[in-house]
Amino acid sequence: MTFGQVIAQKRKEAELSQKELALKIRKEDGTPISPQYLNDIEHDRRNPPAGFLIEQFARILDVKPDYLYYLAGDVPADLKRAHADEDRVAAAYSAFRDRLKKGRS
């Protein structure tokens, strides 16, 4: 599933309209996102949003934030701030790949 598909599915499971959800998701300036922007996200016409919005989608729709970051092709802010060398990052991605592959077996 794509980021947008998961957001749409979880929104529907929460029995929220696009307008209702859009009013709950706030940009950094405190204003809500527009229903049209949400519609574009749900239909994959926009790239997934930045972490600030991903965190809100996760909280409001009861989705694990790490899963949304994965679907968005992003890394949570706490990991971006971590000072890891090349070998540690490569080892972490290797473990991540192994774990995902085991889930397909």
N, C-alpha and C. Protein backbone atom coordinates (compact mmCIF):
# COMPACT_ATOMS: atom_id res chain seq x y z
N MET A 1 0.84 -1.19 0.00
CA MET A 1 0.00 0.00 0.00
C MET A 1 0.88 1.25 0.00
N THR A 2 0.35 2.31 -0.54
CA THR A 2 1.07 3.59 -0.54
C THR A 2 0.70 4.38 0.71
N PHE A 3 1.46 5.43 0.95
CA PHE A 3 1.17 6.32 2.07
C PHE A 3 -0.27 6.82 1.97
N GLY A 4 -0.64 7.31 0.80
CA GLY A 4 -1.98 7.86 0.60
C GLY A 4 -3.07 6.83 0.81
N GLN A 5 -2.85 5.63 0.34
CA GLN A 5 -3.85 4.57 0.50
C GLN A 5 -4.05 4.23 1.98
N VAL A 6 -2.97 4.19 2.73
CA VAL A 6 -3.10 3.90 4.17
C VAL A 6 -3.84 5.02 4.87
N ILE A 7 -3.52 6.26 4.54
CA ILE A 7 -4.22 7.39 5.16
C ILE A 7 -5.72 7.32 4.84
N ALA A 8 -6.06 7.06 3.59
CA ALA A 8 -7.47 6.97 3.20
C ALA A 8 -8.17 5.83 3.94
N GLN A 9 -7.53 4.68 4.01
CA GLN A 9 -8.13 3.52 4.67
C GLN A 9 -8.35 3.79 6.16
N LYS A 10 -7.33 4.32 6.81
CA LYS A 10 -7.43 4.58 8.24
C LYS A 10 -8.45 5.69 8.54
N ARG A 11 -8.52 6.68 7.67
CA ARG A 11 -9.51 7.76 7.84
C ARG A 11 -10.92 7.18 7.78
N LYS A 12 -11.15 6.31 6.81
CA LYS A 12 -12.47 5.69 6.66
C LYS A 12 -12.78 4.79 7.85
N GLU A 13 -11.80 4.04 8.32
CA GLU A 13 -12.00 3.20 9.50
C GLU A 13 -12.35 4.04 10.72
N ALA A 14 -11.80 5.25 10.80
CA ALA A 14 -12.09 6.16 11.91
C ALA A 14 -13.41 6.91 11.69
N GLU A 15 -14.05 6.64 10.56
CA GLU A 15 -15.31 7.29 10.20
C GLU A 15 -15.21 8.81 10.20
N LEU A 16 -14.13 9.29 9.59
CA LEU A 16 -13.91 10.72 9.43
C LEU A 16 -14.03 11.08 7.96
N SER A 17 -14.63 12.21 7.69
CA SER A 17 -14.62 12.73 6.31
C SER A 17 -13.26 13.37 6.06
N GLN A 18 -12.97 13.63 4.80
CA GLN A 18 -11.71 14.31 4.50
C GLN A 18 -11.69 15.68 5.17
N LYS A 19 -12.82 16.35 5.15
CA LYS A 19 -12.88 17.68 5.77
C LYS A 19 -12.62 17.59 7.27
N GLU A 20 -13.20 16.59 7.94
CA GLU A 20 -13.00 16.44 9.38
C GLU A 20 -11.54 16.14 9.72
N LEU A 21 -10.93 15.25 8.95
CA LEU A 21 -9.53 14.94 9.21
C LEU A 21 -8.64 16.13 8.91
N ALA A 22 -8.90 16.79 7.80
CA ALA A 22 -8.08 17.95 7.43
C ALA A 22 -8.09 19.01 8.53
N LEU A 23 -9.21 19.20 9.18
CA LEU A 23 -9.29 20.20 10.26
C LEU A 23 -8.46 19.81 11.48
N LYS A 24 -8.20 18.52 11.65
CA LYS A 24 -7.42 18.03 12.79
C LYS A 24 -5.91 18.08 12.55
N ILE A 25 -5.50 18.11 11.30
CA ILE A 25 -4.07 18.10 10.95
C ILE A 25 -3.61 19.54 10.77
N ARG A 26 -2.69 19.97 11.60
CA ARG A 26 -2.24 21.37 11.60
C ARG A 26 -0.84 21.52 11.04
N LYS A 27 -0.69 22.52 10.19
CA LYS A 27 0.64 22.88 9.68
C LYS A 27 1.42 23.53 10.82
N GLU A 28 2.69 23.77 10.58
CA GLU A 28 3.54 24.35 11.63
C GLU A 28 3.08 25.73 12.07
N ASP A 29 2.36 26.44 11.20
CA ASP A 29 1.86 27.76 11.59
C ASP A 29 0.53 27.68 12.34
N GLY A 30 0.04 26.46 12.58
CA GLY A 30 -1.18 26.26 13.35
C GLY A 30 -2.46 26.20 12.53
N THR A 31 -2.37 26.47 11.25
CA THR A 31 -3.56 26.40 10.41
C THR A 31 -3.76 24.97 9.92
N PRO A 32 -5.03 24.57 9.71
CA PRO A 32 -5.27 23.21 9.25
C PRO A 32 -4.89 23.03 7.78
N ILE A 33 -4.59 21.79 7.42
CA ILE A 33 -4.37 21.51 6.01
C ILE A 33 -5.73 21.60 5.30
N SER A 34 -5.72 21.74 4.01
CA SER A 34 -6.98 21.84 3.28
C SER A 34 -7.49 20.44 2.93
N PRO A 35 -8.81 20.29 2.82
CA PRO A 35 -9.36 19.01 2.37
C PRO A 35 -8.82 18.61 0.99
N GLN A 36 -8.57 19.59 0.12
CA GLN A 36 -8.03 19.28 -1.21
C GLN A 36 -6.62 18.71 -1.11
N TYR A 37 -5.81 19.26 -0.21
CA TYR A 37 -4.46 18.74 0.01
C TYR A 37 -4.54 17.29 0.51
N LEU A 38 -5.44 17.03 1.45
CA LEU A 38 -5.63 15.67 1.95
C LEU A 38 -6.08 14.74 0.83
N ASN A 39 -7.00 15.22 0.01
CA ASN A 39 -7.47 14.42 -1.12
C ASN A 39 -6.32 14.08 -2.06
N ASP A 40 -5.48 15.07 -2.33
CA ASP A 40 -4.32 14.83 -3.19
C ASP A 40 -3.37 13.80 -2.58
N ILE A 41 -3.16 13.86 -1.26
CA ILE A 41 -2.31 12.87 -0.59
C ILE A 41 -2.92 11.48 -0.73
N GLU A 42 -4.21 11.38 -0.44
CA GLU A 42 -4.88 10.08 -0.48
C GLU A 42 -4.88 9.46 -1.87
N HIS A 43 -4.85 10.28 -2.89
CA HIS A 43 -4.83 9.78 -4.27
C HIS A 43 -3.44 9.80 -4.89
N ASP A 44 -2.43 9.94 -4.03
CA ASP A 44 -1.03 9.91 -4.45
C ASP A 44 -0.70 10.94 -5.53
N ARG A 45 -1.36 12.06 -5.46
CA ARG A 45 -1.05 13.17 -6.37
C ARG A 45 -0.06 14.14 -5.73
N ARG A 46 0.25 13.92 -4.47
CA ARG A 46 1.24 14.71 -3.74
C ARG A 46 2.21 13.76 -3.08
N ASN A 47 3.42 14.21 -2.90
CA ASN A 47 4.38 13.43 -2.13
C ASN A 47 3.91 13.39 -0.68
N PRO A 48 4.25 12.35 0.04
CA PRO A 48 3.91 12.32 1.47
C PRO A 48 4.46 13.56 2.17
N PRO A 49 3.77 14.01 3.20
CA PRO A 49 4.20 15.24 3.89
C PRO A 49 5.43 15.03 4.75
N ALA A 50 5.90 16.12 5.32
CA ALA A 50 7.06 16.09 6.22
C ALA A 50 6.68 15.47 7.55
N GLY A 51 7.70 15.17 8.33
CA GLY A 51 7.53 14.49 9.61
C GLY A 51 6.54 15.15 10.55
N PHE A 52 6.50 16.46 10.57
CA PHE A 52 5.59 17.18 11.45
C PHE A 52 4.15 16.73 11.21
N LEU A 53 3.77 16.59 9.96
CA LEU A 53 2.41 16.15 9.62
C LEU A 53 2.26 14.64 9.76
N ILE A 54 3.31 13.89 9.43
CA ILE A 54 3.25 12.43 9.57
C ILE A 54 2.93 12.06 11.01
N GLU A 55 3.56 12.73 11.95
CA GLU A 55 3.32 12.45 13.37
C GLU A 55 1.86 12.67 13.74
N GLN A 56 1.24 13.71 13.19
CA GLN A 56 -0.16 13.99 13.49
C GLN A 56 -1.08 12.94 12.86
N PHE A 57 -0.81 12.59 11.60
CA PHE A 57 -1.60 11.54 10.96
C PHE A 57 -1.54 10.26 11.79
N ALA A 58 -0.35 9.91 12.25
CA ALA A 58 -0.17 8.69 13.03
C ALA A 58 -1.00 8.74 14.32
N ARG A 59 -0.91 9.84 15.03
CA ARG A 59 -1.61 9.98 16.30
C ARG A 59 -3.14 9.96 16.10
N ILE A 60 -3.62 10.74 15.16
CA ILE A 60 -5.06 10.87 14.96
C ILE A 60 -5.68 9.60 14.38
N LEU A 61 -4.95 8.94 13.48
CA LEU A 61 -5.49 7.75 12.82
C LEU A 61 -5.06 6.45 13.49
N ASP A 62 -4.33 6.54 14.60
CA ASP A 62 -3.89 5.38 15.35
C ASP A 62 -3.09 4.41 14.48
N VAL A 63 -2.04 4.97 13.86
CA VAL A 63 -1.11 4.20 13.03
C VAL A 63 0.27 4.39 13.63
N LYS A 64 1.06 3.37 13.61
CA LYS A 64 2.43 3.51 14.13
C LYS A 64 3.19 4.51 13.25
N PRO A 65 3.78 5.53 13.86
CA PRO A 65 4.50 6.55 13.08
C PRO A 65 5.60 5.95 12.19
N ASP A 66 6.32 4.96 12.70
CA ASP A 66 7.41 4.38 11.92
C ASP A 66 6.90 3.76 10.62
N TYR A 67 5.70 3.20 10.65
CA TYR A 67 5.12 2.63 9.43
C TYR A 67 4.83 3.74 8.42
N LEU A 68 4.30 4.86 8.88
CA LEU A 68 4.04 5.98 7.96
C LEU A 68 5.35 6.55 7.42
N TYR A 69 6.37 6.65 8.27
CA TYR A 69 7.67 7.12 7.77
C TYR A 69 8.20 6.17 6.70
N TYR A 70 8.06 4.88 6.93
CA TYR A 70 8.49 3.89 5.95
C TYR A 70 7.77 4.10 4.62
N LEU A 71 6.44 4.22 4.67
CA LEU A 71 5.67 4.42 3.45
C LEU A 71 6.01 5.74 2.76
N ALA A 72 6.37 6.73 3.56
CA ALA A 72 6.71 8.05 3.02
C ALA A 72 8.14 8.08 2.47
N GLY A 73 8.92 7.03 2.74
CA GLY A 73 10.31 7.04 2.30
C GLY A 73 11.14 8.04 3.08
N ASP A 74 10.77 8.23 4.33
CA ASP A 74 11.44 9.23 5.17
C ASP A 74 12.00 8.54 6.41
N VAL A 75 12.74 9.29 7.18
CA VAL A 75 13.34 8.80 8.41
C VAL A 75 12.87 9.72 9.54
N PRO A 76 12.43 9.16 10.67
CA PRO A 76 12.00 10.00 11.79
C PRO A 76 13.11 10.96 12.23
N ALA A 77 12.69 12.09 12.75
CA ALA A 77 13.64 13.15 13.13
C ALA A 77 14.68 12.67 14.13
N ASP A 78 14.28 11.81 15.07
CA ASP A 78 15.25 11.36 16.07
C ASP A 78 16.37 10.56 15.43
N LEU A 79 16.09 9.86 14.34
CA LEU A 79 17.14 9.11 13.64
C LEU A 79 17.98 10.02 12.76
N LYS A 80 17.36 11.06 12.24
CA LYS A 80 18.12 12.02 11.42
C LYS A 80 19.16 12.74 12.28
N ARG A 81 18.83 12.95 13.54
CA ARG A 81 19.74 13.66 14.45
C ARG A 81 20.83 12.75 15.00
N ALA A 82 20.61 11.44 14.91
CA ALA A 82 21.59 10.49 15.44
C ALA A 82 22.87 10.56 14.60
N HIS A 83 23.97 10.56 15.28
CA HIS A 83 25.26 10.61 14.60
C HIS A 83 25.78 9.19 14.43
N ALA A 84 25.47 8.59 13.30
CA ALA A 84 25.88 7.21 13.03
C ALA A 84 26.84 7.20 11.86
N ASP A 85 27.83 6.35 11.97
CA ASP A 85 28.78 6.25 10.87
C ASP A 85 28.24 5.32 9.78
N GLU A 86 28.94 5.27 8.69
CA GLU A 86 28.52 4.50 7.52
C GLU A 86 28.26 3.03 7.85
N ASP A 87 29.14 2.42 8.62
CA ASP A 87 29.00 0.99 8.94
C ASP A 87 27.75 0.72 9.79
N ARG A 88 27.47 1.57 10.77
CA ARG A 88 26.29 1.38 11.62
C ARG A 88 25.01 1.54 10.82
N VAL A 89 24.98 2.52 9.94
CA VAL A 89 23.78 2.73 9.11
C VAL A 89 23.59 1.54 8.18
N ALA A 90 24.66 1.08 7.55
CA ALA A 90 24.57 -0.08 6.65
C ALA A 90 24.09 -1.32 7.41
N ALA A 91 24.60 -1.53 8.62
CA ALA A 91 24.19 -2.67 9.43
C ALA A 91 22.71 -2.58 9.81
N ALA A 92 22.26 -1.38 10.13
CA ALA A 92 20.85 -1.19 10.50
C ALA A 92 19.94 -1.48 9.31
N TYR A 93 20.31 -1.00 8.14
CA TYR A 93 19.49 -1.28 6.95
C TYR A 93 19.51 -2.76 6.59
N SER A 94 20.64 -3.41 6.79
CA SER A 94 20.73 -4.84 6.53
C SER A 94 19.79 -5.61 7.46
N ALA A 95 19.79 -5.25 8.73
CA ALA A 95 18.90 -5.90 9.70
C ALA A 95 17.44 -5.63 9.35
N PHE A 96 17.16 -4.42 8.90
CA PHE A 96 15.80 -4.04 8.50
C PHE A 96 15.34 -4.88 7.32
N ARG A 97 16.20 -5.01 6.32
CA ARG A 97 15.87 -5.84 5.15
C ARG A 97 15.61 -7.29 5.56
N ASP A 98 16.49 -7.83 6.39
CA ASP A 98 16.34 -9.22 6.84
C ASP A 98 15.01 -9.40 7.56
N ARG A 99 14.65 -8.47 8.40
CA ARG A 99 13.41 -8.56 9.17
C ARG A 99 12.19 -8.50 8.26
N LEU A 100 12.21 -7.62 7.26
CA LEU A 100 11.09 -7.53 6.33
C LEU A 100 10.96 -8.78 5.48
N LYS A 101 12.09 -9.34 5.06
CA LYS A 101 12.06 -10.56 4.25
C LYS A 101 11.50 -11.73 5.03
N LYS A 102 11.82 -11.81 6.31
CA LYS A 102 11.29 -12.90 7.15
C LYS A 102 9.77 -12.83 7.23
N GLY A 103 9.24 -11.64 7.18
CA GLY A 103 7.78 -11.47 7.25
C GLY A 103 7.07 -12.00 6.02
N ARG A 104 7.79 -12.11 4.89
CA ARG A 104 7.18 -12.61 3.65
C ARG A 104 7.19 -14.12 3.58
N SER A 105 7.99 -14.77 4.39
CA SER A 105 8.13 -16.23 4.31
C SER A 105 6.89 -16.94 4.80
